[in-house]
Amino acid sequence: MRPGPRTLMVIASLILAARPAFAGDDGSSDADEKARRDARELVYLGDELFILKRYAEALRAYQRAEQLVRVPSTSIEVAKALAAIGRLSEARELASAIASSRALPGEPWPFMQARRRADALRRELDDRIPRLKVRLVPRPGSARLRVDGQEVKASSEGTLIDPGNHWVEVEADGYIGARQRVYVPEREVTTLDVALTPEPRQGGVSPWAVGGFVASGAGLAVGIGAGAAYLSARSDLAQACRQGASGCSADARGDANALGWVSNVGFGLAIAGAAIGGVALGLEHAKAPATGVTWAIGPGTISMRGTL
């Protein structure tokens, strides 16, 4: 039975994928033959899995082969699988390292082919890898940027990042931390605007509130004390006047009235101080931001911001 065109294409792909991996001696006289044989089988297995689009399994097979024999022809297969599963930045870094590695005199042809493949993959990934720009409003100098938990350096040209969904976190001294989710497509520059909210002032209770309540307490103490003395003096004065004693004099009545006046002033001070303290606390409460968390949903982004 003659194989169809699709079958021939699969067979040809397998041969082409496997050929660069181990198509001859690697130039190392002390290389362990068993390790090379096992690595070759792992590369063949990885090629089969790659054709079936089981990229994660193919990557594991290639990585095991590379652990046994680390040469350009195994490393390029690892880079190829990394790119297939979306780890573009890591794939580009590896491809760049392979392409720039120094060729040894008399090295086998598969190694030279692997470097050419790595250079082509690097150029392809340069076009595919997206960038993420984070614009802060305002822009404090102490701002710290993390993407998926990893600290990155903000750049006006954008940070190289793998395509897909990412969590972006921003922290800055004097501002409430912000956390937003953003989707970054391939081959594009995505701009994310993050508005920072200043932290609430931590100055404690207003001096006006403290002074008002202290004055209120002092006035209340004076009012009660002077009021009690006034009542006692009035009682003694009334008794002396009924008996016609010398204690019923204008000076005695003046002293009693003075105590009453002091008591009234103390109670007035207590009322005024309490009013000042209450107003000051009310104004502070009105200025303080409400406790809670707010969510904002926009095109391609989900953000969370709040105070506790």
Foldseek 3Di string as FASTA:
>chain_A
DDDDPVVVVLVVQLCVQLCLQPVDDQPDPPQDPVLQVQLSVLSSVLSVCVVVVVLVSSLVSLVSSCVSPPALSSLLSNLVSCVSVQVLVVSLVSLVCLLPDDDDPPGDPSSVVSNVSSVVSNVVSVQWFEFEAEAEVVDDPQKWKDKQNHTDDHDPVGHGDTFAKIKMWIDGPQWFIKIKIFGGGTRYYHYHYDYTHGDDDPPPADPQLVQLQVQLVQLQVQLVVLVVVLVVLVVVLVVCVVVVHPCVDPVSVVVSVVSNVRNVRSNVSNVRSNVRNVVSVVVVVVPDDDADKDWDDDVRMIIIDGHD
